[in-house]
């Protein structure tokens, strides 16, 4: 700490260094908790439990990270909801057919005037 002169071996200096170490540890723990919080929010459909990316009320959350595939002729098509779609032939890695950006949810209760 600037302006504060302490002997190298003084108990005060050791206490300051210990506090600095604790602060660094707490800051690391805080960052870890922020990451875990974001992951937990994402796993339940976002911060508010829903949101446009998973439907108005989170009704599409149960489909998150689900993949579906079907075969047509010599190709296998794979659609991974909220990720993308691929066309595969045999054991190849496949051709990217596009990425999922977001669903369009149509409100069947809305009138045409809305």
PDB file of N, CA and C in Angstrom:
ATOM      1  N   UNK A   1       0.853  -1.177   0.000  1.00  0.00           N
ATOM      2  CA  UNK A   1       0.000   0.000   0.000  1.00  0.00           C
ATOM      3  C   UNK A   1       0.879   1.213   0.000  1.00  0.00           C
ATOM      4  N   UNK A   2       0.633   2.110  -0.944  1.00  0.00           N
ATOM      5  CA  UNK A   2       1.515   3.252  -1.130  1.00  0.00           C
ATOM      6  C   UNK A   2       1.481   4.166   0.092  1.00  0.00           C
ATOM      7  N   UNK A   3       2.617   4.690   0.411  1.00  0.00           N
ATOM      8  CA  UNK A   3       2.744   5.604   1.531  1.00  0.00           C
ATOM      9  C   UNK A   3       2.846   4.904   2.872  1.00  0.00           C
ATOM     10  N   UNK A   4       2.626   3.622   2.903  1.00  0.00           N
ATOM     11  CA  UNK A   4       2.675   2.853   4.135  1.00  0.00           C
ATOM     12  C   UNK A   4       3.958   2.041   4.117  1.00  0.00           C
ATOM     13  N   UNK A   5       4.807   2.325   5.075  1.00  0.00           N
ATOM     14  CA  UNK A   5       6.077   1.602   5.118  1.00  0.00           C
ATOM     15  C   UNK A   5       6.028   0.592   6.253  1.00  0.00           C
ATOM     16  N   UNK A   6       6.155  -0.662   5.881  1.00  0.00           N
ATOM     17  CA  UNK A   6       6.153  -1.734   6.863  1.00  0.00           C
ATOM     18  C   UNK A   6       7.383  -2.592   6.650  1.00  0.00           C
ATOM     19  N   UNK A   7       7.883  -3.109   7.728  1.00  0.00           N
ATOM     20  CA  UNK A   7       9.013  -4.019   7.626  1.00  0.00           C
ATOM     21  C   UNK A   7       8.567  -5.280   6.909  1.00  0.00           C
ATOM     22  N   UNK A   8       9.488  -5.892   6.196  1.00  0.00           N
ATOM     23  CA  UNK A   8       9.195  -7.109   5.459  1.00  0.00           C
ATOM     24  C   UNK A   8       8.588  -8.194   6.348  1.00  0.00           C
ATOM     25  N   UNK A   9       9.039  -8.281   7.566  1.00  0.00           N
ATOM     26  CA  UNK A   9       8.611  -9.354   8.465  1.00  0.00           C
ATOM     27  C   UNK A   9       7.565  -8.907   9.476  1.00  0.00           C
ATOM     28  N   UNK A  10       7.017  -7.732   9.305  1.00  0.00           N
ATOM     29  CA  UNK A  10       6.069  -7.234  10.311  1.00  0.00           C
ATOM     30  C   UNK A  10       4.751  -8.001  10.231  1.00  0.00           C
ATOM     31  N   UNK A  11       4.077  -8.173  11.373  1.00  0.00           N
ATOM     32  CA  UNK A  11       2.786  -8.866  11.382  1.00  0.00           C
ATOM     33  C   UNK A  11       1.735  -8.112  10.562  1.00  0.00           C
ATOM     34  N   UNK A  12       1.830  -6.788  10.527  1.00  0.00           N
ATOM     35  CA  UNK A  12       0.880  -5.992   9.756  1.00  0.00           C
ATOM     36  C   UNK A  12       1.004  -6.287   8.264  1.00  0.00           C
ATOM     37  N   UNK A  13       2.255  -6.369   7.784  1.00  0.00           N
ATOM     38  CA  UNK A  13       2.491  -6.664   6.367  1.00  0.00           C
ATOM     39  C   UNK A  13       1.951  -8.051   6.019  1.00  0.00           C
ATOM     40  N   UNK A  14       2.206  -9.025   6.900  1.00  0.00           N
ATOM     41  CA  UNK A  14       1.693 -10.378   6.671  1.00  0.00           C
ATOM     42  C   UNK A  14       0.167 -10.358   6.630  1.00  0.00           C
ATOM     43  N   UNK A  15      -0.445  -9.602   7.511  1.00  0.00           N
ATOM     44  CA  UNK A  15      -1.910  -9.523   7.536  1.00  0.00           C
ATOM     45  C   UNK A  15      -2.454  -8.889   6.251  1.00  0.00           C
ATOM     46  N   UNK A  16      -1.793  -7.862   5.764  1.00  0.00           N
ATOM     47  CA  UNK A  16      -2.207  -7.213   4.519  1.00  0.00           C
ATOM     48  C   UNK A  16      -2.101  -8.196   3.354  1.00  0.00           C
ATOM     49  N   UNK A  17      -1.000  -8.917   3.275  1.00  0.00           N
ATOM     50  CA  UNK A  17      -0.808  -9.892   2.200  1.00  0.00           C
ATOM     51  C   UNK A  17      -1.838 -11.017   2.280  1.00  0.00           C
ATOM     52  N   UNK A  18      -2.141 -11.463   3.504  1.00  0.00           N
ATOM     53  CA  UNK A  18      -3.173 -12.490   3.682  1.00  0.00           C
ATOM     54  C   UNK A  18      -4.529 -11.978   3.204  1.00  0.00           C
ATOM     55  N   UNK A  19      -4.849 -10.732   3.534  1.00  0.00           N
ATOM     56  CA  UNK A  19      -6.128 -10.152   3.100  1.00  0.00           C
ATOM     57  C   UNK A  19      -6.185 -10.031   1.581  1.00  0.00           C
ATOM     58  N   UNK A  20      -5.078  -9.646   0.966  1.00  0.00           N
ATOM     59  CA  UNK A  20      -5.044  -9.544  -0.491  1.00  0.00           C
ATOM     60  C   UNK A  20      -5.278 -10.917  -1.131  1.00  0.00           C
ATOM     61  N   UNK A  21      -4.684 -11.955  -0.551  1.00  0.00           N
ATOM     62  CA  UNK A  21      -4.896 -13.313  -1.054  1.00  0.00           C
ATOM     63  C   UNK A  21      -6.362 -13.721  -0.916  1.00  0.00           C
ATOM     64  N   UNK A  22      -6.972 -13.397   0.234  1.00  0.00           N
ATOM     65  CA  UNK A  22      -8.378 -13.734   0.454  1.00  0.00           C
ATOM     66  C   UNK A  22      -9.274 -12.993  -0.539  1.00  0.00           C
ATOM     67  N   UNK A  23      -8.969 -11.735  -0.782  1.00  0.00           N
ATOM     68  CA  UNK A  23      -9.758 -10.953  -1.741  1.00  0.00           C
ATOM     69  C   UNK A  23      -9.658 -11.577  -3.129  1.00  0.00           C
ATOM     70  N   UNK A  24      -8.463 -11.963  -3.538  1.00  0.00           N
ATOM     71  CA  UNK A  24      -8.279 -12.608  -4.848  1.00  0.00           C
ATOM     72  C   UNK A  24      -9.069 -13.904  -4.927  1.00  0.00           C
ATOM     73  N   UNK A  25      -9.040 -14.696  -3.858  1.00  0.00           N
ATOM     74  CA  UNK A  25      -9.783 -15.953  -3.827  1.00  0.00           C
ATOM     75  C   UNK A  25     -11.283 -15.690  -3.914  1.00  0.00           C
ATOM     76  N   UNK A  26     -11.783 -14.705  -3.175  1.00  0.00           N
ATOM     77  CA  UNK A  26     -13.204 -14.362  -3.216  1.00  0.00           C
ATOM     78  C   UNK A  26     -13.619 -13.879  -4.609  1.00  0.00           C
ATOM     79  N   UNK A  27     -12.758 -13.115  -5.261  1.00  0.00           N
ATOM     80  CA  UNK A  27     -13.058 -12.644  -6.617  1.00  0.00           C
ATOM     81  C   UNK A  27     -13.129 -13.816  -7.598  1.00  0.00           C
ATOM     82  N   UNK A  28     -12.218 -14.780  -7.470  1.00  0.00           N
ATOM     83  CA  UNK A  28     -12.260 -15.978  -8.316  1.00  0.00           C
ATOM     84  C   UNK A  28     -13.536 -16.768  -8.055  1.00  0.00           C
ATOM     85  N   UNK A  29     -13.879 -16.934  -6.770  1.00  0.00           N
ATOM     86  CA  UNK A  29     -15.106 -17.652  -6.414  1.00  0.00           C
ATOM     87  C   UNK A  29     -16.331 -16.941  -6.988  1.00  0.00           C
ATOM     88  N   UNK A  30     -16.331 -15.622  -6.951  1.00  0.00           N
ATOM     89  CA  UNK A  30     -17.450 -14.841  -7.472  1.00  0.00           C
ATOM     90  C   UNK A  30     -17.607 -15.066  -8.979  1.00  0.00           C
ATOM     91  N   UNK A  31     -16.505 -15.084  -9.716  1.00  0.00           N
ATOM     92  CA  UNK A  31     -16.564 -15.330 -11.154  1.00  0.00           C
ATOM     93  C   UNK A  31     -17.080 -16.736 -11.438  1.00  0.00           C
ATOM     94  N   UNK A  32     -16.620 -17.722 -10.656  1.00  0.00           N
ATOM     95  CA  UNK A  32     -17.113 -19.097 -10.826  1.00  0.00           C
ATOM     96  C   UNK A  32     -18.616 -19.165 -10.579  1.00  0.00           C
ATOM     97  N   UNK A  33     -19.081 -18.477  -9.553  1.00  0.00           N
ATOM     98  CA  UNK A  33     -20.515 -18.469  -9.243  1.00  0.00           C
ATOM     99  C   UNK A  33     -21.324 -17.786 -10.339  1.00  0.00           C
ATOM    100  N   UNK A  34     -20.781 -16.735 -10.926  1.00  0.00           N
ATOM    101  CA  UNK A  34     -21.480 -16.059 -12.026  1.00  0.00           C
ATOM    102  C   UNK A  34     -21.652 -17.006 -13.212  1.00  0.00           C
ATOM    103  N   UNK A  35     -20.605 -17.772 -13.518  1.00  0.00           N
ATOM    104  CA  UNK A  35     -20.673 -18.733 -14.623  1.00  0.00           C
ATOM    105  C   UNK A  35     -21.712 -19.807 -14.308  1.00  0.00           C
ATOM    106  N   UNK A  36     -21.684 -20.330 -13.085  1.00  0.00           N
ATOM    107  CA  UNK A  36     -22.644 -21.362 -12.693  1.00  0.00           C
ATOM    108  C   UNK A  36     -24.069 -20.824 -12.722  1.00  0.00           C
ATOM    109  N   UNK A  37     -24.254 -19.575 -12.316  1.00  0.00           N
ATOM    110  CA  UNK A  37     -25.584 -18.956 -12.328  1.00  0.00           C
ATOM    111  C   UNK A  37     -26.101 -18.865 -13.760  1.00  0.00           C
ATOM    112  N   UNK A  38     -25.253 -18.404 -14.670  1.00  0.00           N
ATOM    113  CA  UNK A  38     -25.643 -18.288 -16.071  1.00  0.00           C
ATOM    114  C   UNK A  38     -25.986 -19.659 -16.647  1.00  0.00           C
ATOM    115  N   UNK A  39     -25.179 -20.676 -16.322  1.00  0.00           N
ATOM    116  CA  UNK A  39     -25.451 -22.029 -16.812  1.00  0.00           C
ATOM    117  C   UNK A  39     -26.770 -22.547 -16.248  1.00  0.00           C
ATOM    118  N   UNK A  40     -27.031 -22.280 -14.976  1.00  0.00           N
ATOM    119  CA  UNK A  40     -28.288 -22.733 -14.364  1.00  0.00           C
ATOM    120  C   UNK A  40     -29.482 -22.030 -14.999  1.00  0.00           C
ATOM    121  N   UNK A  41     -29.358 -20.729 -15.220  1.00  0.00           N
ATOM    122  CA  UNK A  41     -30.443 -19.983 -15.877  1.00  0.00           C
ATOM    123  C   UNK A  41     -30.706 -20.537 -17.268  1.00  0.00           C
ATOM    124  N   UNK A  42     -29.640 -20.821 -17.986  1.00  0.00           N
ATOM    125  CA  UNK A  42     -29.784 -21.351 -19.342  1.00  0.00           C
ATOM    126  C   UNK A  42     -30.456 -22.726 -19.327  1.00  0.00           C
ATOM    127  N   UNK A  43     -30.122 -23.531 -18.314  1.00  0.00           N
ATOM    128  CA  UNK A  43     -30.681 -24.887 -18.276  1.00  0.00           C
ATOM    129  C   UNK A  43     -32.169 -24.907 -17.976  1.00  0.00           C
ATOM    130  N   UNK A  44     -32.696 -23.817 -17.414  1.00  0.00           N
ATOM    131  CA  UNK A  44     -34.136 -23.763 -17.125  1.00  0.00           C
ATOM    132  C   UNK A  44     -34.870 -22.804 -18.047  1.00  0.00           C
ATOM    133  N   UNK A  45     -34.222 -22.399 -19.109  1.00  0.00           N
ATOM    134  CA  UNK A  45     -34.916 -21.592 -20.105  1.00  0.00           C
ATOM    135  C   UNK A  45     -34.629 -20.117 -20.029  1.00  0.00           C
ATOM    136  N   UNK A  46     -33.563 -19.727 -19.409  1.00  0.00           N
ATOM    137  CA  UNK A  46     -33.205 -18.318 -19.367  1.00  0.00           C
ATOM    138  C   UNK A  46     -33.443 -17.700 -18.003  1.00  0.00           C
ATOM    139  N   UNK A  47     -33.015 -16.490 -17.865  1.00  0.00           N
ATOM    140  CA  UNK A  47     -33.082 -15.793 -16.578  1.00  0.00           C
ATOM    141  C   UNK A  47     -34.504 -15.698 -16.050  1.00  0.00           C
ATOM    142  N   UNK A  48     -35.460 -15.458 -16.935  1.00  0.00           N
ATOM    143  CA  UNK A  48     -36.844 -15.311 -16.513  1.00  0.00           C
ATOM    144  C   UNK A  48     -37.628 -16.611 -16.648  1.00  0.00           C
ATOM    145  N   UNK A  49     -36.934 -17.709 -16.932  1.00  0.00           N
ATOM    146  CA  UNK A  49     -37.611 -18.995 -17.046  1.00  0.00           C
ATOM    147  C   UNK A  49     -38.260 -19.234 -18.392  1.00  0.00           C
ATOM    148  N   UNK A  50     -38.115 -18.335 -19.296  1.00  0.00           N
ATOM    149  CA  UNK A  50     -38.735 -18.500 -20.616  1.00  0.00           C
ATOM    150  C   UNK A  50     -38.018 -17.613 -21.596  1.00  0.00           C
ATOM    151  N   UNK A  51     -38.741 -16.737 -22.206  1.00  0.00           N
ATOM    152  CA  UNK A  51     -38.125 -15.823 -23.148  1.00  0.00           C
ATOM    153  C   UNK A  51     -38.385 -16.244 -24.564  1.00  0.00           C
ATOM    154  N   UNK A  52     -38.162 -15.330 -25.464  1.00  0.00           N
ATOM    155  CA  UNK A  52     -38.477 -15.567 -26.868  1.00  0.00           C
ATOM    156  C   UNK A  52     -37.678 -16.712 -27.470  1.00  0.00           C
ATOM    157  N   UNK A  53     -36.463 -16.959 -26.983  1.00  0.00           N
ATOM    158  CA  UNK A  53     -35.653 -17.993 -27.616  1.00  0.00           C
ATOM    159  C   UNK A  53     -36.212 -19.390 -27.381  1.00  0.00           C
ATOM    160  N   UNK A  54     -37.025 -19.571 -26.344  1.00  0.00           N
ATOM    161  CA  UNK A  54     -37.615 -20.879 -26.068  1.00  0.00           C
ATOM    162  C   UNK A  54     -39.133 -20.806 -26.045  1.00  0.00           C
ATOM    163  N   UNK A  55     -39.679 -19.835 -26.758  1.00  0.00           N
ATOM    164  CA  UNK A  55     -41.122 -19.641 -26.777  1.00  0.00           C
ATOM    165  C   UNK A  55     -41.516 -18.564 -25.781  1.00  0.00           C
ATOM    166  N   UNK A  56     -42.694 -18.025 -25.949  1.00  0.00           N
ATOM    167  CA  UNK A  56     -43.136 -16.921 -25.085  1.00  0.00           C
ATOM    168  C   UNK A  56     -43.097 -17.266 -23.602  1.00  0.00           C
ATOM    169  N   UNK A  57     -43.520 -18.479 -23.277  1.00  0.00           N
ATOM    170  CA  UNK A  57     -43.580 -18.892 -21.876  1.00  0.00           C
ATOM    171  C   UNK A  57     -42.637 -20.053 -21.587  1.00  0.00           C
ATOM    172  N   UNK A  58     -41.618 -20.201 -22.416  1.00  0.00           N
ATOM    173  CA  UNK A  58     -40.658 -21.286 -22.233  1.00  0.00           C
ATOM    174  C   UNK A  58     -41.199 -22.642 -22.647  1.00  0.00           C
ATOM    175  N   UNK A  59     -42.288 -22.651 -23.423  1.00  0.00           N
ATOM    176  CA  UNK A  59     -42.945 -23.911 -23.788  1.00  0.00           C
ATOM    177  C   UNK A  59     -42.074 -24.822 -24.643  1.00  0.00           C
ATOM    178  N   UNK A  60     -41.016 -24.281 -25.248  1.00  0.00           N
ATOM    179  CA  UNK A  60     -40.139 -25.104 -26.084  1.00  0.00           C
ATOM    180  C   UNK A  60     -38.907 -25.606 -25.332  1.00  0.00           C
ATOM    181  N   UNK A  61     -38.817 -25.288 -24.048  1.00  0.00           N
ATOM    182  CA  UNK A  61     -37.631 -25.656 -23.274  1.00  0.00           C
ATOM    183  C   UNK A  61     -37.380 -27.154 -23.268  1.00  0.00           C
ATOM    184  N   UNK A  62     -38.438 -27.948 -23.206  1.00  0.00           N
ATOM    185  CA  UNK A  62     -38.260 -29.406 -23.159  1.00  0.00           C
ATOM    186  C   UNK A  62     -37.622 -29.949 -24.442  1.00  0.00           C
ATOM    187  N   UNK A  63     -37.639 -29.169 -25.501  1.00  0.00           N
ATOM    188  CA  UNK A  63     -37.028 -29.599 -26.766  1.00  0.00           C
ATOM    189  C   UNK A  63     -35.584 -29.142 -26.919  1.00  0.00           C
ATOM    190  N   UNK A  64     -35.122 -28.328 -25.988  1.00  0.00           N
ATOM    191  CA  UNK A  64     -33.761 -27.802 -26.090  1.00  0.00           C
ATOM    192  C   UNK A  64     -32.752 -28.953 -26.115  1.00  0.00           C
ATOM    193  N   UNK A  65     -31.799 -28.846 -27.014  1.00  0.00           N
ATOM    194  CA  UNK A  65     -30.722 -29.829 -27.188  1.00  0.00           C
ATOM    195  C   UNK A  65     -31.217 -31.193 -27.654  1.00  0.00           C
ATOM    196  N   UNK A  66     -32.415 -31.267 -28.199  1.00  0.00           N
ATOM    197  CA  UNK A  66     -32.931 -32.518 -28.758  1.00  0.00           C
ATOM    198  C   UNK A  66     -32.569 -32.580 -30.241  1.00  0.00           C
ATOM    199  N   UNK A  67     -32.161 -33.738 -30.682  1.00  0.00           N
ATOM    200  CA  UNK A  67     -31.850 -33.940 -32.097  1.00  0.00           C
ATOM    201  C   UNK A  67     -32.761 -35.017 -32.667  1.00  0.00           C
ATOM    202  N   UNK A  68     -33.173 -34.797 -33.904  1.00  0.00           N
ATOM    203  CA  UNK A  68     -34.035 -35.736 -34.603  1.00  0.00           C
ATOM    204  C   UNK A  68     -33.405 -36.035 -35.955  1.00  0.00           C
ATOM    205  N   UNK A  69     -33.525 -37.290 -36.385  1.00  0.00           N
ATOM    206  CA  UNK A  69     -32.957 -37.627 -37.690  1.00  0.00           C
ATOM    207  C   UNK A  69     -33.931 -38.518 -38.453  1.00  0.00           C
ATOM    208  N   UNK A  70     -33.813 -38.455 -39.771  1.00  0.00           N
ATOM    209  CA  UNK A  70     -34.596 -39.330 -40.637  1.00  0.00           C
ATOM    210  C   UNK A  70     -33.789 -39.581 -41.905  1.00  0.00           C
ATOM    211  N   UNK A  71     -34.094 -40.701 -42.528  1.00  0.00           N
ATOM    212  CA  UNK A  71     -33.378 -41.090 -43.737  1.00  0.00           C
ATOM    213  C   UNK A  71     -34.252 -40.857 -44.960  1.00  0.00           C
ATOM    214  N   UNK A  72     -33.636 -40.351 -45.991  1.00  0.00           N
ATOM    215  CA  UNK A  72     -34.297 -40.148 -47.284  1.00  0.00           C
ATOM    216  C   UNK A  72     -33.273 -40.492 -48.353  1.00  0.00           C
ATOM    217  N   UNK A  73     -33.557 -41.545 -49.101  1.00  0.00           N
ATOM    218  CA  UNK A  73     -32.640 -42.065 -50.120  1.00  0.00           C
ATOM    219  C   UNK A  73     -31.310 -42.416 -49.450  1.00  0.00           C
ATOM    220  N   UNK A  74     -30.203 -41.883 -49.954  1.00  0.00           N
ATOM    221  CA  UNK A  74     -28.899 -42.243 -49.381  1.00  0.00           C
ATOM    222  C   UNK A  74     -28.453 -41.271 -48.293  1.00  0.00           C
ATOM    223  N   UNK A  75     -29.290 -40.341 -47.944  1.00  0.00           N
ATOM    224  CA  UNK A  75     -28.925 -39.328 -46.959  1.00  0.00           C
ATOM    225  C   UNK A  75     -29.647 -39.521 -45.633  1.00  0.00           C
ATOM    226  N   UNK A  76     -28.989 -39.101 -44.582  1.00  0.00           N
ATOM    227  CA  UNK A  76     -29.606 -38.989 -43.264  1.00  0.00           C
ATOM    228  C   UNK A  76     -29.620 -37.507 -42.923  1.00  0.00           C
ATOM    229  N   UNK A  77     -30.785 -37.014 -42.571  1.00  0.00           N
ATOM    230  CA  UNK A  77     -30.930 -35.613 -42.193  1.00  0.00           C
ATOM    231  C   UNK A  77     -31.048 -35.543 -40.678  1.00  0.00           C
ATOM    232  N   UNK A  78     -30.315 -34.629 -40.102  1.00  0.00           N
ATOM    233  CA  UNK A  78     -30.333 -34.466 -38.649  1.00  0.00           C
ATOM    234  C   UNK A  78     -30.667 -33.019 -38.312  1.00  0.00           C
ATOM    235  N   UNK A  79     -31.676 -32.845 -37.483  1.00  0.00           N
ATOM    236  CA  UNK A  79     -32.073 -31.518 -37.023  1.00  0.00           C
ATOM    237  C   UNK A  79     -31.907 -31.478 -35.515  1.00  0.00           C
ATOM    238  N   UNK A  80     -31.043 -30.604 -35.062  1.00  0.00           N
ATOM    239  CA  UNK A  80     -30.845 -30.404 -33.628  1.00  0.00           C
ATOM    240  C   UNK A  80     -31.470 -29.057 -33.277  1.00  0.00           C
ATOM    241  N   UNK A  81     -32.537 -29.135 -32.510  1.00  0.00           N
ATOM    242  CA  UNK A  81     -33.270 -27.918 -32.184  1.00  0.00           C
ATOM    243  C   UNK A  81     -32.392 -26.950 -31.402  1.00  0.00           C
ATOM    244  N   UNK A  82     -32.499 -25.702 -31.758  1.00  0.00           N
ATOM    245  CA  UNK A  82     -31.732 -24.616 -31.158  1.00  0.00           C
ATOM    246  C   UNK A  82     -30.252 -24.699 -31.499  1.00  0.00           C
ATOM    247  N   UNK A  83     -29.889 -25.543 -32.470  1.00  0.00           N
ATOM    248  CA  UNK A  83     -28.495 -25.642 -32.923  1.00  0.00           C
ATOM    249  C   UNK A  83     -28.426 -25.543 -34.436  1.00  0.00           C
ATOM    250  N   UNK A  84     -28.735 -26.635 -35.151  1.00  0.00           N
ATOM    251  CA  UNK A  84     -28.622 -26.591 -36.598  1.00  0.00           C
ATOM    252  C   UNK A  84     -29.104 -27.863 -37.253  1.00  0.00           C
ATOM    253  N   UNK A  85     -28.915 -27.932 -38.568  1.00  0.00           N
ATOM    254  CA  UNK A  85     -29.339 -29.087 -39.353  1.00  0.00           C
ATOM    255  C   UNK A  85     -28.187 -29.526 -40.251  1.00  0.00           C
ATOM    256  N   UNK A  86     -28.109 -30.852 -40.468  1.00  0.00           N
ATOM    257  CA  UNK A  86     -27.054 -31.424 -41.316  1.00  0.00           C
ATOM    258  C   UNK A  86     -27.647 -32.471 -42.237  1.00  0.00           C
ATOM    259  N   UNK A  87     -26.978 -32.646 -43.363  1.00  0.00           N
ATOM    260  CA  UNK A  87     -27.276 -33.728 -44.294  1.00  0.00           C
ATOM    261  C   UNK A  87     -26.044 -34.616 -44.304  1.00  0.00           C
ATOM    262  N   UNK A  88     -26.225 -35.897 -43.991  1.00  0.00           N
ATOM    263  CA  UNK A  88     -25.090 -36.816 -43.921  1.00  0.00           C
ATOM    264  C   UNK A  88     -25.262 -37.929 -44.941  1.00  0.00           C
ATOM    265  N   UNK A  89     -24.130 -38.369 -45.461  1.00  0.00           N
ATOM    266  CA  UNK A  89     -24.119 -39.518 -46.366  1.00  0.00           C
ATOM    267  C   UNK A  89     -23.132 -40.526 -45.791  1.00  0.00           C
ATOM    268  N   UNK A  90     -23.620 -41.671 -45.398  1.00  0.00           N
ATOM    269  CA  UNK A  90     -22.749 -42.676 -44.786  1.00  0.00           C
ATOM    270  C   UNK A  90     -22.226 -42.179 -43.446  1.00  0.00           C
ATOM    271  N   UNK A  91     -20.916 -42.362 -43.248  1.00  0.00           N
ATOM    272  CA  UNK A  91     -20.290 -41.972 -41.984  1.00  0.00           C
ATOM    273  C   UNK A  91     -19.615 -40.611 -42.061  1.00  0.00           C
ATOM    274  N   UNK A  92     -19.920 -39.842 -43.101  1.00  0.00           N
ATOM    275  CA  UNK A  92     -19.270 -38.539 -43.264  1.00  0.00           C
ATOM    276  C   UNK A  92     -19.741 -37.573 -42.177  1.00  0.00           C
ATOM    277  N   UNK A  93     -18.978 -36.529 -41.994  1.00  0.00           N
ATOM    278  CA  UNK A  93     -19.331 -35.510 -41.004  1.00  0.00           C
ATOM    279  C   UNK A  93     -20.599 -34.776 -41.366  1.00  0.00           C
ATOM    280  N   UNK A  94     -20.867 -34.669 -42.641  1.00  0.00           N
ATOM    281  CA  UNK A  94     -22.109 -34.061 -43.080  1.00  0.00           C
ATOM    282  C   UNK A  94     -21.937 -32.661 -43.616  1.00  0.00           C
ATOM    283  N   UNK A  95     -23.001 -32.215 -44.244  1.00  0.00           N
ATOM    284  CA  UNK A  95     -23.051 -30.872 -44.808  1.00  0.00           C
ATOM    285  C   UNK A  95     -23.978 -30.036 -43.948  1.00  0.00           C
ATOM    286  N   UNK A  96     -23.492 -28.884 -43.534  1.00  0.00           N
ATOM    287  CA  UNK A  96     -24.307 -27.993 -42.711  1.00  0.00           C
ATOM    288  C   UNK A  96     -25.431 -27.402 -43.564  1.00  0.00           C
ATOM    289  N   UNK A  97     -26.658 -27.570 -43.118  1.00  0.00           N
ATOM    290  CA  UNK A  97     -27.800 -27.025 -43.840  1.00  0.00           C
ATOM    291  C   UNK A  97     -28.306 -25.719 -43.223  1.00  0.00           C
ATOM    292  N   UNK A  98     -27.735 -25.337 -42.116  1.00  0.00           N
ATOM    293  CA  UNK A  98     -28.126 -24.073 -41.499  1.00  0.00           C
ATOM    294  C   UNK A  98     -28.085 -24.142 -39.986  1.00  0.00           C
ATOM    295  N   UNK A  99     -28.137 -22.971 -39.381  1.00  0.00           N
ATOM    296  CA  UNK A  99     -28.122 -22.858 -37.934  1.00  0.00           C
ATOM    297  C   UNK A  99     -29.450 -22.317 -37.456  1.00  0.00           C
ATOM    298  N   UNK A 100     -29.859 -22.779 -36.301  1.00  0.00           N
ATOM    299  CA  UNK A 100     -31.108 -22.356 -35.686  1.00  0.00           C
ATOM    300  C   UNK A 100     -30.856 -21.012 -35.020  1.00  0.00           C
ATOM    301  N   UNK A 101     -31.660 -20.023 -35.338  1.00  0.00           N
ATOM    302  CA  UNK A 101     -31.506 -18.736 -34.666  1.00  0.00           C
ATOM    303  C   UNK A 101     -32.553 -18.555 -33.587  1.00  0.00           C
ATOM    304  N   UNK A 102     -33.809 -18.814 -33.918  1.00  0.00           N
ATOM    305  CA  UNK A 102     -34.867 -18.736 -32.915  1.00  0.00           C
ATOM    306  C   UNK A 102     -36.161 -19.236 -33.533  1.00  0.00           C
ATOM    307  N   UNK A 103     -37.081 -19.692 -32.693  1.00  0.00           N
ATOM    308  CA  UNK A 103     -38.368 -20.129 -33.226  1.00  0.00           C
ATOM    309  C   UNK A 103     -39.271 -18.938 -33.477  1.00  0.00           C
ATOM    310  N   UNK A 104     -40.222 -19.133 -34.345  1.00  0.00           N
ATOM    311  CA  UNK A 104     -41.279 -18.134 -34.518  1.00  0.00           C
ATOM    312  C   UNK A 104     -42.523 -18.761 -33.910  1.00  0.00           C
ATOM    313  N   UNK A 105     -42.996 -18.175 -32.840  1.00  0.00           N
ATOM    314  CA  UNK A 105     -44.155 -18.711 -32.143  1.00  0.00           C
ATOM    315  C   UNK A 105     -45.367 -17.908 -32.555  1.00  0.00           C
ATOM    316  N   UNK A 106     -46.353 -18.592 -33.107  1.00  0.00           N
ATOM    317  CA  UNK A 106     -47.572 -17.944 -33.549  1.00  0.00           C
ATOM    318  C   UNK A 106     -48.615 -18.092 -32.454  1.00  0.00           C
ATOM    319  N   UNK A 107     -49.178 -16.993 -32.044  1.00  0.00           N
ATOM    320  CA  UNK A 107     -50.202 -17.021 -31.013  1.00  0.00           C
ATOM    321  C   UNK A 107     -51.536 -17.335 -31.676  1.00  0.00           C
ATOM    322  N   UNK A 108     -52.045 -18.528 -31.444  1.00  0.00           N
ATOM    323  CA  UNK A 108     -53.284 -18.948 -32.099  1.00  0.00           C
ATOM    324  C   UNK A 108     -54.499 -18.229 -31.538  1.00  0.00           C
ATOM    325  N   UNK A 109     -54.337 -17.550 -30.404  1.00  0.00           N
ATOM    326  CA  UNK A 109     -55.444 -16.807 -29.799  1.00  0.00           C
ATOM    327  C   UNK A 109     -55.505 -15.364 -30.269  1.00  0.00           C
ATOM    328  N   UNK A 110     -54.475 -14.928 -30.977  1.00  0.00           N
ATOM    329  CA  UNK A 110     -54.443 -13.532 -31.420  1.00  0.00           C
ATOM    330  C   UNK A 110     -55.352 -13.354 -32.630  1.00  0.00           C
ATOM    331  N   UNK A 111     -55.981 -12.207 -32.703  1.00  0.00           N
ATOM    332  CA  UNK A 111     -56.814 -11.922 -33.864  1.00  0.00           C
ATOM    333  C   UNK A 111     -55.956 -11.393 -35.007  1.00  0.00           C
ATOM    334  N   UNK A 112     -56.495 -11.359 -36.188  1.00  0.00           N
ATOM    335  CA  UNK A 112     -55.747 -10.867 -37.345  1.00  0.00           C
ATOM    336  C   UNK A 112     -55.462  -9.379 -37.240  1.00  0.00           C
ATOM    337  N   UNK A 113     -56.173  -8.668 -36.348  1.00  0.00           N
ATOM    338  CA  UNK A 113     -55.980  -7.233 -36.198  1.00  0.00           C
ATOM    339  C   UNK A 113     -54.786  -6.890 -35.333  1.00  0.00           C
ATOM    340  N   UNK A 114     -54.209  -7.880 -34.619  1.00  0.00           N
ATOM    341  CA  UNK A 114     -53.089  -7.620 -33.700  1.00  0.00           C
ATOM    342  C   UNK A 114     -51.820  -7.317 -34.436  1.00  0.00           C
TER     343      UNK A 114
END
